[in-house]
C-alpha atoms as a PDB file:
ATOM      1  CA  UNK A   1       8.890 -19.877 -32.469  1.00  0.00           C
ATOM      2  CA  UNK A   2      10.193 -20.684 -28.874  1.00  0.00           C
ATOM      3  CA  UNK A   3      11.250 -17.053 -28.315  1.00  0.00           C
ATOM      4  CA  UNK A   4       7.609 -15.908 -28.734  1.00  0.00           C
ATOM      5  CA  UNK A   5       6.534 -18.134 -26.047  1.00  0.00           C
ATOM      6  CA  UNK A   6       9.170 -16.851 -23.759  1.00  0.00           C
ATOM      7  CA  UNK A   7       8.331 -13.259 -24.415  1.00  0.00           C
ATOM      8  CA  UNK A   8       4.673 -13.976 -23.777  1.00  0.00           C
ATOM      9  CA  UNK A   9       5.668 -15.763 -20.402  1.00  0.00           C
ATOM     10  CA  UNK A  10       7.613 -12.609 -19.529  1.00  0.00           C
ATOM     11  CA  UNK A  11       4.802 -10.306 -20.306  1.00  0.00           C
ATOM     12  CA  UNK A  12       2.306 -12.388 -18.409  1.00  0.00           C
ATOM     13  CA  UNK A  13       4.590 -12.428 -15.417  1.00  0.00           C
ATOM     14  CA  UNK A  14       5.113  -8.711 -15.433  1.00  0.00           C
ATOM     15  CA  UNK A  15       1.316  -8.265 -15.615  1.00  0.00           C
ATOM     16  CA  UNK A  16       0.837 -10.520 -12.558  1.00  0.00           C
ATOM     17  CA  UNK A  17       3.546  -8.533 -10.730  1.00  0.00           C
ATOM     18  CA  UNK A  18       1.811  -5.205 -11.597  1.00  0.00           C
ATOM     19  CA  UNK A  19      -1.618  -6.570 -10.405  1.00  0.00           C
ATOM     20  CA  UNK A  20      -0.016  -7.822  -7.200  1.00  0.00           C
ATOM     21  CA  UNK A  21       1.501  -4.360  -6.441  1.00  0.00           C
ATOM     22  CA  UNK A  22      -1.780  -2.756  -7.293  1.00  0.00           C
ATOM     23  CA  UNK A  23      -3.719  -5.056  -4.997  1.00  0.00           C
ATOM     24  CA  UNK A  24      -1.105  -4.428  -2.278  1.00  0.00           C
ATOM     25  CA  UNK A  25      -1.384  -0.590  -2.650  1.00  0.00           C
ATOM     26  CA  UNK A  26      -5.207  -0.780  -2.480  1.00  0.00           C
ATOM     27  CA  UNK A  27      -5.172  -2.910   0.698  1.00  0.00           C
ATOM     28  CA  UNK A  28      -2.597  -0.702   2.282  1.00  0.00           C
ATOM     29  CA  UNK A  29      -4.770   2.365   1.384  1.00  0.00           C
ATOM     30  CA  UNK A  30      -8.046   0.601   2.689  1.00  0.00           C
ATOM     31  CA  UNK A  31      -6.317  -0.366   5.936  1.00  0.00           C
ATOM     32  CA  UNK A  32      -5.040   3.127   6.643  1.00  0.00           C
ATOM     33  CA  UNK A  33      -8.430   4.791   5.803  1.00  0.00           C
ATOM     34  CA  UNK A  34     -10.188   2.261   8.011  1.00  0.00           C
ATOM     35  CA  UNK A  35      -7.674   3.002  10.818  1.00  0.00           C
ATOM     36  CA  UNK A  36      -8.359   6.756  10.534  1.00  0.00           C
ATOM     37  CA  UNK A  37     -12.073   6.181  10.527  1.00  0.00           C
ATOM     38  CA  UNK A  38     -11.910   3.867  13.570  1.00  0.00           C
ATOM     39  CA  UNK A  39      -9.693   6.247  15.503  1.00  0.00           C
ATOM     40  CA  UNK A  40     -12.025   9.167  14.517  1.00  0.00           C
ATOM     41  CA  UNK A  41     -15.128   7.330  15.668  1.00  0.00           C
ATOM     42  CA  UNK A  42     -13.447   6.345  18.851  1.00  0.00           C
ATOM     43  CA  UNK A  43     -12.419   9.942  19.516  1.00  0.00           C
ATOM     44  CA  UNK A  44      -8.645   9.021  19.638  1.00  0.00           C
ATOM     45  CA  UNK A  45      -7.424  10.391  16.268  1.00  0.00           C
ATOM     46  CA  UNK A  46      -4.631  12.924  16.790  1.00  0.00           C
ATOM     47  CA  UNK A  47      -2.625  15.116  14.488  1.00  0.00           C
ATOM     48  CA  UNK A  48       0.362  12.918  15.289  1.00  0.00           C
ATOM     49  CA  UNK A  49      -1.544   9.871  13.718  1.00  0.00           C
ATOM     50  CA  UNK A  50      -2.285  11.789  10.601  1.00  0.00           C
ATOM     51  CA  UNK A  51       1.279  13.080  10.323  1.00  0.00           C
ATOM     52  CA  UNK A  52       2.724   9.491  10.685  1.00  0.00           C
ATOM     53  CA  UNK A  53       0.514   8.109   7.777  1.00  0.00           C
ATOM     54  CA  UNK A  54       0.453  11.234   5.496  1.00  0.00           C
ATOM     55  CA  UNK A  55       3.445  10.082   3.451  1.00  0.00           C
ATOM     56  CA  UNK A  56       1.603   6.989   2.517  1.00  0.00           C
ATOM     57  CA  UNK A  57      -0.779   9.062   0.354  1.00  0.00           C
ATOM     58  CA  UNK A  58       2.012  10.970  -1.428  1.00  0.00           C
ATOM     59  CA  UNK A  59       3.011   8.808  -4.533  1.00  0.00           C
ATOM     60  CA  UNK A  60       6.772   9.718  -4.457  1.00  0.00           C
ATOM     61  CA  UNK A  61       7.048   8.739  -0.798  1.00  0.00           C
ATOM     62  CA  UNK A  62       4.518   5.960  -0.708  1.00  0.00           C
ATOM     63  CA  UNK A  63       6.982   3.132  -1.341  1.00  0.00           C
ATOM     64  CA  UNK A  64       9.088   3.861   1.681  1.00  0.00           C
ATOM     65  CA  UNK A  65       6.076   5.067   3.778  1.00  0.00           C
ATOM     66  CA  UNK A  66       3.936   1.933   3.140  1.00  0.00           C
ATOM     67  CA  UNK A  67       6.137  -0.356   5.132  1.00  0.00           C
ATOM     68  CA  UNK A  68       6.704   2.158   7.918  1.00  0.00           C
ATOM     69  CA  UNK A  69       2.903   2.983   8.412  1.00  0.00           C
ATOM     70  CA  UNK A  70       1.785  -0.628   8.237  1.00  0.00           C
ATOM     71  CA  UNK A  71       4.500  -1.897  10.527  1.00  0.00           C
ATOM     72  CA  UNK A  72       4.016   1.049  12.991  1.00  0.00           C
ATOM     73  CA  UNK A  73       0.282   0.469  13.378  1.00  0.00           C
ATOM     74  CA  UNK A  74       0.324  -3.313  13.480  1.00  0.00           C
ATOM     75  CA  UNK A  75       2.968  -3.128  16.163  1.00  0.00           C
ATOM     76  CA  UNK A  76       0.855  -0.774  18.219  1.00  0.00           C
END
């Protein structure tokens, strides 16, 4: 019976990890969209801005791009 509890704990931990990753992705997406809208409203949005964050919206490249885009814009 102990093995059943351990398996349940693992499944719950994996679910929590998935939810945390999903929330991080959503927060990253919302941040980048808000940044684009802010720069657009201020009249400072450039093609270079869009090129830098575009990989964040492509699933295959998103993992690597998320960190770059967020660090780049936070540091600016």
